[in-house]
């Protein structure tokens, strides 16, 4: 049986902008892996490093929205007291505020 993938024009795609040195770029990803859950999992695991911003593109509605704060708050809720990388703490601070990031524990 073949797995069915959601067509990109019928889904919300999440683009992640990451810092590489002094430059920022949107990382290349397969459209099948650009859903919210996979995006959060990839950021948390370090598969996506140094995230700066997350944009959700709602293809059916023809608009995009910065969802960085939503993603950062969800990551913070999931990690609770678990140690996380300094880069992830930095993303949470930039996207959701220093107060939330101060609650995180560095690995």
Protein backbone atom coordinates (compact mmCIF):
# COMPACT_ATOMS: atom_id res chain seq x y z
CA UNK A 1 0.00 0.00 0.00
CA UNK A 2 1.35 3.45 -0.90
CA UNK A 3 1.29 6.24 1.68
CA UNK A 4 -0.96 9.14 0.74
CA UNK A 5 0.59 12.58 1.02
CA UNK A 6 -1.33 15.78 1.35
CA UNK A 7 -0.92 17.89 -1.76
CA UNK A 8 0.96 21.11 -0.98
CA UNK A 9 -1.91 23.25 -2.26
CA UNK A 10 -4.25 21.67 0.31
CA UNK A 11 -2.03 22.05 3.36
CA UNK A 12 -0.45 24.58 5.65
CA UNK A 13 3.27 24.58 5.00
CA UNK A 14 5.74 25.75 7.66
CA UNK A 15 8.92 27.42 6.43
CA UNK A 16 11.76 27.78 8.93
CA UNK A 17 14.31 30.56 8.63
CA UNK A 18 17.63 29.67 10.27
CA UNK A 19 20.82 31.56 11.03
CA UNK A 20 24.03 30.35 9.42
CA UNK A 21 26.83 32.66 10.52
CA UNK A 22 25.78 36.21 9.67
CA UNK A 23 23.18 35.12 7.10
CA UNK A 24 19.67 33.76 7.52
CA UNK A 25 18.06 31.37 5.04
CA UNK A 26 14.92 29.31 4.81
CA UNK A 27 15.98 25.68 5.14
CA UNK A 28 15.13 23.28 2.34
CA UNK A 29 12.59 20.64 3.35
CA UNK A 30 10.32 18.14 1.64
CA UNK A 31 6.77 19.50 1.50
CA UNK A 32 5.55 16.28 3.16
CA UNK A 33 7.60 17.28 6.24
CA UNK A 34 6.39 20.87 6.50
CA UNK A 35 3.35 20.30 8.72
CA UNK A 36 3.31 21.89 12.17
CA UNK A 37 4.00 18.73 14.18
CA UNK A 38 7.00 17.69 12.07
CA UNK A 39 8.34 21.25 12.14
CA UNK A 40 8.16 21.38 15.94
CA UNK A 41 9.71 17.91 16.26
CA UNK A 42 12.56 18.82 13.86
CA UNK A 43 13.34 22.03 15.76
CA UNK A 44 13.26 20.27 19.13
CA UNK A 45 15.49 17.41 17.96
CA UNK A 46 18.08 19.74 16.39
CA UNK A 47 17.32 18.49 12.87
CA UNK A 48 16.62 22.16 12.17
CA UNK A 49 19.34 24.23 13.86
CA UNK A 50 19.42 27.90 14.88
CA UNK A 51 15.80 28.74 14.00
CA UNK A 52 15.04 32.44 13.71
CA UNK A 53 11.48 32.48 12.43
CA UNK A 54 8.68 30.11 11.39
CA UNK A 55 6.24 31.15 8.69
CA UNK A 56 3.00 29.27 8.05
CA UNK A 57 1.75 29.48 4.48
CA UNK A 58 -1.95 28.78 4.14
CA UNK A 59 -2.13 27.85 0.48
CA UNK A 60 -5.90 27.56 0.19
CA UNK A 61 -6.38 31.03 1.71
CA UNK A 62 -3.40 32.51 -0.18
CA UNK A 63 -1.71 34.12 2.81
CA UNK A 64 1.16 33.59 5.23
CA UNK A 65 1.61 34.37 8.93
CA UNK A 66 4.58 34.44 11.28
CA UNK A 67 3.88 31.64 13.79
CA UNK A 68 7.24 31.82 15.57
CA UNK A 69 5.73 32.75 18.92
CA UNK A 70 3.16 29.94 18.72
CA UNK A 71 5.87 27.40 17.88
CA UNK A 72 8.22 28.69 20.60
CA UNK A 73 5.47 28.51 23.24
CA UNK A 74 4.55 24.98 22.17
CA UNK A 75 8.19 23.87 22.37
CA UNK A 76 8.54 25.47 25.82
CA UNK A 77 5.40 23.65 27.00
CA UNK A 78 6.72 20.33 25.72
CA UNK A 79 10.22 20.53 27.20
CA UNK A 80 9.08 21.77 30.63
CA UNK A 81 12.10 21.10 32.87
CA UNK A 82 14.16 19.10 30.37
CA UNK A 83 17.50 20.69 29.41
CA UNK A 84 17.57 22.16 25.90
CA UNK A 85 20.23 23.69 23.66
CA UNK A 86 21.29 27.31 23.96
CA UNK A 87 20.15 27.84 20.35
CA UNK A 88 16.66 26.62 21.23
CA UNK A 89 16.55 28.85 24.30
CA UNK A 90 17.58 31.75 22.04
CA UNK A 91 14.73 30.98 19.63
CA UNK A 92 12.23 30.88 22.49
CA UNK A 93 13.57 34.19 23.83
CA UNK A 94 13.35 35.94 20.45
CA UNK A 95 9.97 34.51 19.51
CA UNK A 96 8.10 34.34 22.83
CA UNK A 97 10.02 36.64 25.15
CA UNK A 98 12.86 36.55 27.64
CA UNK A 99 10.58 35.73 30.57
CA UNK A 100 9.60 32.38 29.06
CA UNK A 101 13.17 31.62 28.00
CA UNK A 102 14.45 32.25 31.53
CA UNK A 103 12.33 29.30 32.67
CA UNK A 104 14.23 26.96 30.31
CA UNK A 105 17.24 24.95 31.44
CA UNK A 106 20.28 24.76 29.15
CA UNK A 107 21.77 21.37 28.29
